[in-house]
Amino acid sequence: MSVTVEPPGSADAVAEPRRGRTGRRPGSHRSRSARGLLVLRLLAAVVVCVVVVAPLYWMVVVALSSRSELLGGELRLWPRALTVENFDRVFSSFPVLTWFGNSVSIALTTAIITVVVNLLGGYAFAHLRFRGSSALFLTALATLTLPVQVIMVALFRLVTTLGLYGSYWAVILPTAASAFGLFLARQSMLSIPRDLVEAARIDGAGHWRVFTRIVLPLSKPLVAVLFFMSLLGSWNDFAWPLIALQDNRLFTLPIGLLYLQGQFGPDYGATMAFALINVTPMVVLFLLFQRYFVQGFARSGIR
């Protein structure tokens, strides 16, 4: 009777490949979950892009379609023949360039004043300590719960008393600062190291020097966000300018669009052409400043 003696470890060596054939890699399940999550995110991004881009695309299609094609009731993804007759009709019937200039003047002035006021207020609430600062800040934030329609009567009486009714300043001053902009500026400036500010103060720098030489250069994304948000809000503002402005030569583009609809009726080509003129500047500005826009919100801690 013969006995075969196997070398030590040979059984383990044979068993290891067998376990390797049937077993799963530890990271395989995680990698599949990560890929599945990535696919879901991409699908969600595609859906959001379609929802956002589709109205803009349809606006362009209708604005560049002929009146006869629109009255025919045919829904096409692209016009048979591109035409600018809708734009010609709009520019020949209404002072569009004047209204465009009014919108630019009001929006730029409002944005500049808003940026200055909110930056100074944000610095005060973030780096200055004074009695009642927390209560004052919470009071400012509480105004976010009030819709503008609630205070329109008070604003109307205020601008009338000041003799501003019917002028650009009646539109600019009531919207020259925002509670959300103040909150955004404070949160962003809190991310600046306090040691940096205190070191400058120890070296003899005053608050204005600290603000202009240290805080402001570090707040460029915040400035871009505040400027764009204020510009966009003022550009699209409709209800208050409609009340505060009487002369049609002072109208802004949103009011002009309402005026156009009242004159032309259901003229979809002219309406979409006018709306495209109103929307295009803000879309271009967002594409130019989107990097600073994202950075500014990231610095403020808002997700």
C-alpha atoms as a PDB file:
ATOM      1  CA  MET A   1       0.000   0.000   0.000  1.00  0.00           C
ATOM      2  CA  SER A   2       1.515   3.268  -1.141  1.00  0.00           C
ATOM      3  CA  VAL A   3       0.812   6.645   0.334  1.00  0.00           C
ATOM      4  CA  THR A   4       1.177   9.836  -1.714  1.00  0.00           C
ATOM      5  CA  VAL A   5       2.327  12.797   0.247  1.00  0.00           C
ATOM      6  CA  GLU A   6       1.572  16.195  -1.266  1.00  0.00           C
ATOM      7  CA  PRO A   7       3.878  19.108  -0.654  1.00  0.00           C
ATOM      8  CA  PRO A   8       2.662  21.591   1.932  1.00  0.00           C
ATOM      9  CA  GLY A   9       0.506  24.346   0.455  1.00  0.00           C
ATOM     10  CA  SER A  10      -0.269  22.477  -2.754  1.00  0.00           C
ATOM     11  CA  ALA A  11      -3.941  22.042  -1.804  1.00  0.00           C
ATOM     12  CA  ASP A  12      -4.207  25.730  -1.035  1.00  0.00           C
ATOM     13  CA  ALA A  13      -2.582  26.539  -4.323  1.00  0.00           C
ATOM     14  CA  VAL A  14      -5.144  24.431  -6.149  1.00  0.00           C
ATOM     15  CA  ALA A  15      -8.078  25.766  -4.130  1.00  0.00           C
ATOM     16  CA  GLU A  16      -7.199  29.425  -4.597  1.00  0.00           C
ATOM     17  CA  PRO A  17      -7.834  29.549  -8.353  1.00  0.00           C
ATOM     18  CA  ARG A  18     -11.170  27.800  -7.819  1.00  0.00           C
ATOM     19  CA  ARG A  19     -12.266  30.429  -5.359  1.00  0.00           C
ATOM     20  CA  GLY A  20     -11.067  33.099  -7.740  1.00  0.00           C
ATOM     21  CA  ARG A  21     -13.206  31.721 -10.571  1.00  0.00           C
ATOM     22  CA  THR A  22     -16.460  31.693  -8.641  1.00  0.00           C
ATOM     23  CA  GLY A  23     -15.959  34.673  -6.313  1.00  0.00           C
ATOM     24  CA  ARG A  24     -16.741  38.325  -7.136  1.00  0.00           C
ATOM     25  CA  ARG A  25     -14.343  41.153  -6.946  1.00  0.00           C
ATOM     26  CA  PRO A  26     -14.953  43.337  -3.912  1.00  0.00           C
ATOM     27  CA  GLY A  27     -15.240  46.541  -5.943  1.00  0.00           C
ATOM     28  CA  SER A  28     -17.415  45.184  -8.763  1.00  0.00           C
ATOM     29  CA  HIS A  29     -20.706  45.984  -7.029  1.00  0.00           C
ATOM     30  CA  ARG A  30     -19.542  49.485  -6.119  1.00  0.00           C
ATOM     31  CA  SER A  31     -18.363  50.207  -9.653  1.00  0.00           C
ATOM     32  CA  ARG A  32     -21.716  49.101 -11.074  1.00  0.00           C
ATOM     33  CA  SER A  33     -23.569  51.299  -8.583  1.00  0.00           C
ATOM     34  CA  ALA A  34     -21.336  54.238  -9.473  1.00  0.00           C
ATOM     35  CA  ARG A  35     -21.951  53.700 -13.189  1.00  0.00           C
ATOM     36  CA  GLY A  36     -25.687  53.412 -12.622  1.00  0.00           C
ATOM     37  CA  LEU A  37     -25.711  56.616 -10.588  1.00  0.00           C
ATOM     38  CA  LEU A  38     -23.712  58.373 -13.306  1.00  0.00           C
ATOM     39  CA  VAL A  39     -26.204  57.252 -15.955  1.00  0.00           C
ATOM     40  CA  LEU A  40     -29.122  58.529 -13.855  1.00  0.00           C
ATOM     41  CA  ARG A  41     -27.402  61.881 -13.398  1.00  0.00           C
ATOM     42  CA  LEU A  42     -26.754  62.175 -17.122  1.00  0.00           C
ATOM     43  CA  LEU A  43     -30.374  61.334 -17.916  1.00  0.00           C
ATOM     44  CA  ALA A  44     -31.577  63.910 -15.384  1.00  0.00           C
ATOM     45  CA  ALA A  45     -29.230  66.510 -16.892  1.00  0.00           C
ATOM     46  CA  VAL A  46     -30.567  65.747 -20.384  1.00  0.00           C
ATOM     47  CA  VAL A  47     -34.175  66.116 -19.192  1.00  0.00           C
ATOM     48  CA  VAL A  48     -33.398  69.440 -17.489  1.00  0.00           C
ATOM     49  CA  CYS A  49     -31.601  70.717 -20.604  1.00  0.00           C
ATOM     50  CA  VAL A  50     -34.564  69.794 -22.794  1.00  0.00           C
ATOM     51  CA  VAL A  51     -37.010  71.510 -20.431  1.00  0.00           C
ATOM     52  CA  VAL A  52     -34.866  74.679 -20.351  1.00  0.00           C
ATOM     53  CA  VAL A  53     -33.806  74.819 -23.996  1.00  0.00           C
ATOM     54  CA  ALA A  54     -37.096  73.757 -25.636  1.00  0.00           C
ATOM     55  CA  PRO A  55     -38.978  77.045 -24.935  1.00  0.00           C
ATOM     56  CA  LEU A  56     -36.021  79.102 -26.175  1.00  0.00           C
ATOM     57  CA  TYR A  57     -35.743  76.949 -29.296  1.00  0.00           C
ATOM     58  CA  TRP A  58     -39.458  77.251 -30.006  1.00  0.00           C
ATOM     59  CA  MET A  59     -39.248  81.018 -29.498  1.00  0.00           C
ATOM     60  CA  VAL A  60     -36.529  81.237 -32.158  1.00  0.00           C
ATOM     61  CA  VAL A  61     -38.501  79.025 -34.569  1.00  0.00           C
ATOM     62  CA  VAL A  62     -41.692  81.089 -34.272  1.00  0.00           C
ATOM     63  CA  ALA A  63     -39.820  84.411 -34.469  1.00  0.00           C
ATOM     64  CA  LEU A  64     -38.117  83.358 -37.726  1.00  0.00           C
ATOM     65  CA  SER A  65     -41.262  81.896 -39.337  1.00  0.00           C
ATOM     66  CA  SER A  66     -43.436  83.759 -41.818  1.00  0.00           C
ATOM     67  CA  ARG A  67     -46.890  84.934 -40.832  1.00  0.00           C
ATOM     68  CA  SER A  68     -48.572  82.740 -43.438  1.00  0.00           C
ATOM     69  CA  GLU A  69     -46.786  79.662 -42.120  1.00  0.00           C
ATOM     70  CA  LEU A  70     -47.854  80.424 -38.555  1.00  0.00           C
ATOM     71  CA  LEU A  71     -51.472  81.036 -39.568  1.00  0.00           C
ATOM     72  CA  GLY A  72     -51.457  77.727 -41.446  1.00  0.00           C
ATOM     73  CA  GLY A  73     -51.243  75.898 -38.152  1.00  0.00           C
ATOM     74  CA  GLU A  74     -48.392  73.607 -39.170  1.00  0.00           C
ATOM     75  CA  LEU A  75     -46.028  72.650 -36.380  1.00  0.00           C
ATOM     76  CA  ARG A  76     -42.533  72.275 -37.796  1.00  0.00           C
ATOM     77  CA  LEU A  77     -39.217  71.838 -36.020  1.00  0.00           C
ATOM     78  CA  TRP A  78     -37.684  74.453 -38.328  1.00  0.00           C
ATOM     79  CA  PRO A  79     -39.258  77.055 -40.638  1.00  0.00           C
ATOM     80  CA  ARG A  80     -39.491  76.313 -44.330  1.00  0.00           C
ATOM     81  CA  ALA A  81     -37.849  79.625 -45.115  1.00  0.00           C
ATOM     82  CA  LEU A  82     -36.162  81.886 -42.577  1.00  0.00           C
ATOM     83  CA  THR A  83     -37.548  85.404 -42.499  1.00  0.00           C
ATOM     84  CA  VAL A  84     -37.129  88.533 -40.403  1.00  0.00           C
ATOM     85  CA  GLU A  85     -40.505  90.029 -41.250  1.00  0.00           C
ATOM     86  CA  ASN A  86     -41.633  89.703 -37.633  1.00  0.00           C
ATOM     87  CA  PHE A  87     -38.646  91.761 -36.459  1.00  0.00           C
ATOM     88  CA  ASP A  88     -39.297  94.339 -39.196  1.00  0.00           C
ATOM     89  CA  ARG A  89     -42.904  94.687 -38.081  1.00  0.00           C
ATOM     90  CA  VAL A  90     -41.884  95.108 -34.444  1.00  0.00           C
ATOM     91  CA  PHE A  91     -39.176  97.716 -35.094  1.00  0.00           C
ATOM     92  CA  SER A  92     -41.333  99.694 -37.529  1.00  0.00           C
ATOM     93  CA  SER A  93     -44.353  99.854 -35.204  1.00  0.00           C
ATOM     94  CA  PHE A  94     -42.767 100.474 -31.792  1.00  0.00           C
ATOM     95  CA  PRO A  95     -39.757 102.382 -30.365  1.00  0.00           C
ATOM     96  CA  VAL A  96     -37.983  99.139 -29.480  1.00  0.00           C
ATOM     97  CA  LEU A  97     -34.502 100.691 -29.396  1.00  0.00           C
ATOM     98  CA  THR A  98     -35.722 103.382 -26.981  1.00  0.00           C
ATOM     99  CA  TRP A  99     -37.280 100.776 -24.713  1.00  0.00           C
ATOM    100  CA  PHE A 100     -34.129  98.674 -24.950  1.00  0.00           C
ATOM    101  CA  GLY A 101     -32.046 101.684 -23.894  1.00  0.00           C
ATOM    102  CA  ASN A 102     -34.421 102.338 -20.991  1.00  0.00           C
ATOM    103  CA  SER A 103     -34.063  98.737 -19.820  1.00  0.00           C
ATOM    104  CA  VAL A 104     -30.273  98.911 -20.047  1.00  0.00           C
ATOM    105  CA  SER A 105     -30.093 102.214 -18.139  1.00  0.00           C
ATOM    106  CA  ILE A 106     -32.435 101.117 -15.351  1.00  0.00           C
ATOM    107  CA  ALA A 107     -30.941  97.629 -15.007  1.00  0.00           C
ATOM    108  CA  LEU A 108     -27.308  98.803 -14.972  1.00  0.00           C
ATOM    109  CA  THR A 109     -27.952 101.597 -12.471  1.00  0.00           C
ATOM    110  CA  THR A 110     -29.942  99.279 -10.209  1.00  0.00           C
ATOM    111  CA  ALA A 111     -27.269  96.567 -10.404  1.00  0.00           C
ATOM    112  CA  ILE A 112     -24.412  98.938  -9.548  1.00  0.00           C
ATOM    113  CA  ILE A 113     -26.232 100.449  -6.558  1.00  0.00           C
ATOM    114  CA  THR A 114     -27.325  96.999  -5.361  1.00  0.00           C
ATOM    115  CA  VAL A 115     -23.789  95.603  -5.519  1.00  0.00           C
ATOM    116  CA  VAL A 116     -22.355  98.529  -3.543  1.00  0.00           C
ATOM    117  CA  VAL A 117     -25.070  98.495  -0.858  1.00  0.00           C
ATOM    118  CA  ASN A 118     -25.084  94.717  -0.408  1.00  0.00           C
ATOM    119  CA  LEU A 119     -21.282  94.445  -0.290  1.00  0.00           C
ATOM    120  CA  LEU A 120     -21.020  97.127   2.382  1.00  0.00           C
ATOM    121  CA  GLY A 121     -23.893  95.624   4.355  1.00  0.00           C
ATOM    122  CA  GLY A 122     -22.474  92.117   4.046  1.00  0.00           C
ATOM    123  CA  TYR A 123     -19.085  93.281   5.322  1.00  0.00           C
ATOM    124  CA  ALA A 124     -20.696  95.061   8.267  1.00  0.00           C
ATOM    125  CA  PHE A 125     -22.712  92.019   9.338  1.00  0.00           C
ATOM    126  CA  ALA A 126     -19.809  89.604   8.768  1.00  0.00           C
ATOM    127  CA  HIS A 127     -16.823  91.456  10.284  1.00  0.00           C
ATOM    128  CA  LEU A 128     -18.207  94.202  12.525  1.00  0.00           C
ATOM    129  CA  ARG A 129     -19.608  93.664  15.980  1.00  0.00           C
ATOM    130  CA  PHE A 130     -22.272  96.097  17.157  1.00  0.00           C
ATOM    131  CA  ARG A 131     -25.292  95.873  19.400  1.00  0.00           C
ATOM    132  CA  GLY A 132     -28.387  94.545  17.693  1.00  0.00           C
ATOM    133  CA  SER A 133     -26.575  93.260  14.600  1.00  0.00           C
ATOM    134  CA  SER A 134     -28.190  89.814  14.761  1.00  0.00           C
ATOM    135  CA  ALA A 135     -31.678  91.223  15.285  1.00  0.00           C
ATOM    136  CA  LEU A 136     -31.199  93.707  12.456  1.00  0.00           C
ATOM    137  CA  PHE A 137     -29.954  90.985  10.124  1.00  0.00           C
ATOM    138  CA  LEU A 138     -32.881  88.702  10.969  1.00  0.00           C
ATOM    139  CA  THR A 139     -35.276  91.594  10.383  1.00  0.00           C
ATOM    140  CA  ALA A 140     -33.780  92.132   6.940  1.00  0.00           C
ATOM    141  CA  LEU A 141     -34.127  88.424   6.159  1.00  0.00           C
ATOM    142  CA  ALA A 142     -37.750  88.489   7.327  1.00  0.00           C
ATOM    143  CA  THR A 143     -38.589  90.809   4.436  1.00  0.00           C
ATOM    144  CA  LEU A 144     -37.959  87.871   2.084  1.00  0.00           C
ATOM    145  CA  THR A 145     -41.295  86.442   3.212  1.00  0.00           C
ATOM    146  CA  LEU A 146     -43.168  89.522   1.974  1.00  0.00           C
ATOM    147  CA  PRO A 147     -44.197  89.558  -1.704  1.00  0.00           C
ATOM    148  CA  VAL A 148     -43.623  92.830  -3.484  1.00  0.00           C
ATOM    149  CA  GLN A 149     -47.371  93.231  -4.064  1.00  0.00           C
ATOM    150  CA  VAL A 150     -47.851  93.723  -0.318  1.00  0.00           C
ATOM    151  CA  ILE A 151     -45.698  96.856  -0.213  1.00  0.00           C
ATOM    152  CA  MET A 152     -46.620  98.366  -3.588  1.00  0.00           C
ATOM    153  CA  VAL A 153     -49.080 100.830  -2.076  1.00  0.00           C
ATOM    154  CA  ALA A 154     -46.470 101.998   0.440  1.00  0.00           C
ATOM    155  CA  LEU A 155     -43.850 102.293  -2.316  1.00  0.00           C
ATOM    156  CA  PHE A 156     -46.259 104.271  -4.473  1.00  0.00           C
ATOM    157  CA  ARG A 157     -46.971 106.741  -1.667  1.00  0.00           C
ATOM    158  CA  LEU A 158     -43.242 107.029  -0.934  1.00  0.00           C
ATOM    159  CA  VAL A 159     -42.141 107.819  -4.501  1.00  0.00           C
ATOM    160  CA  THR A 160     -45.088 110.202  -4.904  1.00  0.00           C
ATOM    161  CA  THR A 161     -44.148 112.064  -1.719  1.00  0.00           C
ATOM    162  CA  LEU A 162     -40.523 112.323  -2.884  1.00  0.00           C
ATOM    163  CA  GLY A 163     -41.635 113.637  -6.271  1.00  0.00           C
ATOM    164  CA  LEU A 164     -40.079 110.716  -8.155  1.00  0.00           C
ATOM    165  CA  TYR A 165     -43.241 109.273  -9.669  1.00  0.00           C
ATOM    166  CA  GLY A 166     -42.993 108.883 -13.430  1.00  0.00           C
ATOM    167  CA  SER A 167     -39.169 108.930 -13.519  1.00  0.00           C
ATOM    168  CA  TYR A 168     -36.425 106.321 -13.745  1.00  0.00           C
ATOM    169  CA  TRP A 169     -35.562 106.799 -10.067  1.00  0.00           C
ATOM    170  CA  ALA A 170     -39.045 105.671  -9.062  1.00  0.00           C
ATOM    171  CA  VAL A 171     -38.117 102.268 -10.511  1.00  0.00           C
ATOM    172  CA  ILE A 172     -34.458 102.176  -9.430  1.00  0.00           C
ATOM    173  CA  LEU A 173     -34.443 103.238  -5.779  1.00  0.00           C
ATOM    174  CA  PRO A 174     -37.081 100.840  -4.339  1.00  0.00           C
ATOM    175  CA  THR A 175     -35.172  97.865  -5.777  1.00  0.00           C
ATOM    176  CA  ALA A 176     -31.641  99.170  -5.179  1.00  0.00           C
ATOM    177  CA  ALA A 177     -30.929  96.630  -2.413  1.00  0.00           C
ATOM    178  CA  SER A 178     -32.202  93.154  -1.677  1.00  0.00           C
ATOM    179  CA  ALA A 179     -32.361  91.050   1.475  1.00  0.00           C
ATOM    180  CA  PHE A 180     -31.207  87.964  -0.416  1.00  0.00           C
ATOM    181  CA  GLY A 181     -28.208  89.861  -1.796  1.00  0.00           C
ATOM    182  CA  LEU A 182     -27.358  90.980   1.743  1.00  0.00           C
ATOM    183  CA  PHE A 183     -27.581  87.389   2.973  1.00  0.00           C
ATOM    184  CA  LEU A 184     -25.433  86.151   0.083  1.00  0.00           C
ATOM    185  CA  ALA A 185     -22.783  88.834   0.712  1.00  0.00           C
ATOM    186  CA  ARG A 186     -22.640  88.111   4.450  1.00  0.00           C
ATOM    187  CA  GLN A 187     -22.315  84.357   3.953  1.00  0.00           C
ATOM    188  CA  SER A 188     -19.584  84.783   1.353  1.00  0.00           C
ATOM    189  CA  MET A 189     -17.588  87.226   3.478  1.00  0.00           C
ATOM    190  CA  LEU A 190     -17.796  84.912   6.486  1.00  0.00           C
ATOM    191  CA  SER A 191     -15.694  82.453   4.470  1.00  0.00           C
ATOM    192  CA  ILE A 192     -12.820  84.971   4.429  1.00  0.00           C
ATOM    193  CA  PRO A 193     -10.456  84.075   7.326  1.00  0.00           C
ATOM    194  CA  ARG A 194     -11.023  86.384  10.270  1.00  0.00           C
ATOM    195  CA  ASP A 195      -7.308  86.176  11.092  1.00  0.00           C
ATOM    196  CA  LEU A 196      -6.569  87.928   7.801  1.00  0.00           C
ATOM    197  CA  VAL A 197      -8.892  90.802   8.657  1.00  0.00           C
ATOM    198  CA  GLU A 198      -7.610  91.065  12.229  1.00  0.00           C
ATOM    199  CA  ALA A 199      -3.984  91.071  11.039  1.00  0.00           C
ATOM    200  CA  ALA A 200      -4.748  94.017   8.771  1.00  0.00           C
ATOM    201  CA  ARG A 201      -6.488  95.794  11.632  1.00  0.00           C
ATOM    202  CA  ILE A 202      -3.453  95.243  13.899  1.00  0.00           C
ATOM    203  CA  ASP A 203      -1.233  96.745  11.194  1.00  0.00           C
ATOM    204  CA  GLY A 204      -3.291  99.930  11.397  1.00  0.00           C
ATOM    205  CA  ALA A 205      -5.666  99.470   8.465  1.00  0.00           C
ATOM    206  CA  GLY A 206      -9.122 100.933   8.894  1.00  0.00           C
ATOM    207  CA  HIS A 207     -12.312  99.183   7.934  1.00  0.00           C
ATOM    208  CA  TRP A 208     -12.479 100.940   4.564  1.00  0.00           C
ATOM    209  CA  ARG A 209      -8.917  99.905   3.721  1.00  0.00           C
ATOM    210  CA  VAL A 210      -9.599  96.322   4.835  1.00  0.00           C
ATOM    211  CA  PHE A 211     -12.740  96.262   2.716  1.00  0.00           C
ATOM    212  CA  THR A 212     -11.149  97.681  -0.443  1.00  0.00           C
ATOM    213  CA  ARG A 213      -7.723  96.012  -0.234  1.00  0.00           C
ATOM    214  CA  ILE A 214      -8.515  92.596   1.253  1.00  0.00           C
ATOM    215  CA  VAL A 215     -12.207  91.719   1.225  1.00  0.00           C
ATOM    216  CA  LEU A 216     -13.176  93.150  -2.160  1.00  0.00           C
ATOM    217  CA  PRO A 217     -10.381  91.475  -4.198  1.00  0.00           C
ATOM    218  CA  LEU A 218     -11.355  88.129  -2.647  1.00  0.00           C
ATOM    219  CA  SER A 219     -15.037  88.675  -3.479  1.00  0.00           C
ATOM    220  CA  LYS A 220     -14.926  88.862  -7.281  1.00  0.00           C
ATOM    221  CA  PRO A 221     -17.227  85.828  -7.758  1.00  0.00           C
ATOM    222  CA  LEU A 222     -19.638  87.369  -5.246  1.00  0.00           C
ATOM    223  CA  VAL A 223     -19.632  90.667  -7.140  1.00  0.00           C
ATOM    224  CA  ALA A 224     -20.417  88.818 -10.381  1.00  0.00           C
ATOM    225  CA  VAL A 225     -23.316  86.944  -8.762  1.00  0.00           C
ATOM    226  CA  LEU A 226     -24.813  90.053  -7.151  1.00  0.00           C
ATOM    227  CA  PHE A 227     -24.439  92.064 -10.346  1.00  0.00           C
ATOM    228  CA  PHE A 228     -26.011  89.428 -12.567  1.00  0.00           C
ATOM    229  CA  MET A 229     -28.874  88.648 -10.175  1.00  0.00           C
ATOM    230  CA  SER A 230     -29.728  92.313  -9.742  1.00  0.00           C
ATOM    231  CA  LEU A 231     -29.401  92.964 -13.467  1.00  0.00           C
ATOM    232  CA  LEU A 232     -31.658  90.025 -14.294  1.00  0.00           C
ATOM    233  CA  GLY A 233     -34.254  90.968 -11.695  1.00  0.00           C
ATOM    234  CA  SER A 234     -34.392  94.591 -12.817  1.00  0.00           C
ATOM    235  CA  TRP A 235     -34.414  93.628 -16.507  1.00  0.00           C
ATOM    236  CA  ASN A 236     -37.407  91.305 -16.080  1.00  0.00           C
ATOM    237  CA  ASP A 237     -39.286  93.462 -13.560  1.00  0.00           C
ATOM    238  CA  PHE A 238     -42.777  94.153 -14.801  1.00  0.00           C
ATOM    239  CA  ALA A 239     -45.332  94.998 -12.114  1.00  0.00           C
ATOM    240  CA  TRP A 240     -43.591  97.913 -10.387  1.00  0.00           C
ATOM    241  CA  PRO A 241     -42.311  99.691 -13.550  1.00  0.00           C
ATOM    242  CA  LEU A 242     -45.827  99.385 -14.982  1.00  0.00           C
ATOM    243  CA  ILE A 243     -47.113 101.356 -11.971  1.00  0.00           C
ATOM    244  CA  ALA A 244     -44.215 103.804 -11.611  1.00  0.00           C
ATOM    245  CA  LEU A 245     -43.847 104.814 -15.281  1.00  0.00           C
ATOM    246  CA  GLN A 246     -46.541 106.720 -17.189  1.00  0.00           C
ATOM    247  CA  ASP A 247     -44.848 107.973 -20.352  1.00  0.00           C
ATOM    248  CA  ASN A 248     -44.540 105.258 -23.010  1.00  0.00           C
ATOM    249  CA  ARG A 249     -41.172 106.734 -23.998  1.00  0.00           C
ATOM    250  CA  LEU A 250     -39.862 105.582 -20.593  1.00  0.00           C
ATOM    251  CA  PHE A 251     -41.213 102.048 -20.890  1.00  0.00           C
ATOM    252  CA  THR A 252     -38.929  99.051 -20.468  1.00  0.00           C
ATOM    253  CA  LEU A 253     -39.001  95.975 -22.705  1.00  0.00           C
ATOM    254  CA  PRO A 254     -41.366  93.861 -20.534  1.00  0.00           C
ATOM    255  CA  ILE A 255     -43.916  96.701 -20.503  1.00  0.00           C
ATOM    256  CA  GLY A 256     -43.346  97.165 -24.228  1.00  0.00           C
ATOM    257  CA  LEU A 257     -44.209  93.509 -24.782  1.00  0.00           C
ATOM    258  CA  LEU A 258     -47.556  94.020 -23.035  1.00  0.00           C
ATOM    259  CA  TYR A 259     -48.123  97.154 -25.129  1.00  0.00           C
ATOM    260  CA  LEU A 260     -47.357  95.167 -28.293  1.00  0.00           C
ATOM    261  CA  GLN A 261     -49.851  92.441 -27.394  1.00  0.00           C
ATOM    262  CA  GLY A 262     -52.505  95.070 -26.814  1.00  0.00           C
ATOM    263  CA  GLN A 263     -51.882  96.631 -30.231  1.00  0.00           C
ATOM    264  CA  PHE A 264     -51.282  93.552 -32.394  1.00  0.00           C
ATOM    265  CA  GLY A 265     -53.492  91.026 -30.631  1.00  0.00           C
ATOM    266  CA  PRO A 266     -52.574  87.328 -31.040  1.00  0.00           C
ATOM    267  CA  ASP A 267     -49.658  87.950 -33.416  1.00  0.00           C
ATOM    268  CA  TYR A 268     -47.396  85.114 -32.303  1.00  0.00           C
ATOM    269  CA  GLY A 269     -44.578  85.921 -34.708  1.00  0.00           C
ATOM    270  CA  ALA A 270     -44.217  89.532 -33.552  1.00  0.00           C
ATOM    271  CA  THR A 271     -44.667  88.530 -29.900  1.00  0.00           C
ATOM    272  CA  MET A 272     -41.928  85.899 -30.084  1.00  0.00           C
ATOM    273  CA  ALA A 273     -39.623  88.260 -31.987  1.00  0.00           C
ATOM    274  CA  PHE A 274     -40.040  90.892 -29.271  1.00  0.00           C
ATOM    275  CA  ALA A 275     -39.587  88.277 -26.540  1.00  0.00           C
ATOM    276  CA  LEU A 276     -36.397  87.064 -28.229  1.00  0.00           C
ATOM    277  CA  ILE A 277     -35.034  90.626 -28.198  1.00  0.00           C
ATOM    278  CA  ASN A 278     -35.807  90.794 -24.479  1.00  0.00           C
ATOM    279  CA  VAL A 279     -34.311  87.400 -23.560  1.00  0.00           C
ATOM    280  CA  THR A 280     -31.109  87.347 -25.644  1.00  0.00           C
ATOM    281  CA  PRO A 281     -28.985  89.852 -23.611  1.00  0.00           C
ATOM    282  CA  MET A 282     -29.545  87.993 -20.327  1.00  0.00           C
ATOM    283  CA  VAL A 283     -28.772  84.595 -21.879  1.00  0.00           C
ATOM    284  CA  VAL A 284     -25.521  85.936 -23.336  1.00  0.00           C
ATOM    285  CA  LEU A 285     -24.514  87.509 -20.007  1.00  0.00           C
ATOM    286  CA  PHE A 286     -25.189  84.279 -18.134  1.00  0.00           C
ATOM    287  CA  LEU A 287     -23.062  82.283 -20.570  1.00  0.00           C
ATOM    288  CA  LEU A 288     -20.222  84.780 -20.113  1.00  0.00           C
ATOM    289  CA  PHE A 289     -20.368  84.904 -16.303  1.00  0.00           C
ATOM    290  CA  GLN A 290     -21.559  81.399 -15.413  1.00  0.00           C
ATOM    291  CA  ARG A 291     -18.149  80.402 -13.995  1.00  0.00           C
ATOM    292  CA  TYR A 292     -18.210  83.295 -11.516  1.00  0.00           C
ATOM    293  CA  PHE A 293     -21.883  82.616 -10.849  1.00  0.00           C
ATOM    294  CA  VAL A 294     -21.181  79.056  -9.656  1.00  0.00           C
ATOM    295  CA  GLN A 295     -18.109  80.134  -7.665  1.00  0.00           C
ATOM    296  CA  GLY A 296     -20.061  82.864  -5.903  1.00  0.00           C
ATOM    297  CA  PHE A 297     -22.763  80.482  -4.718  1.00  0.00           C
ATOM    298  CA  ALA A 298     -20.136  77.936  -3.670  1.00  0.00           C
ATOM    299  CA  ARG A 299     -18.338  80.571  -1.574  1.00  0.00           C
ATOM    300  CA  SER A 300     -21.583  81.554   0.133  1.00  0.00           C
ATOM    301  CA  GLY A 301     -22.248  77.994   1.299  1.00  0.00           C
ATOM    302  CA  ILE A 302     -25.567  77.754  -0.584  1.00  0.00           C
ATOM    303  CA  ARG A 303     -26.093  74.432  -2.370  1.00  0.00           C
END
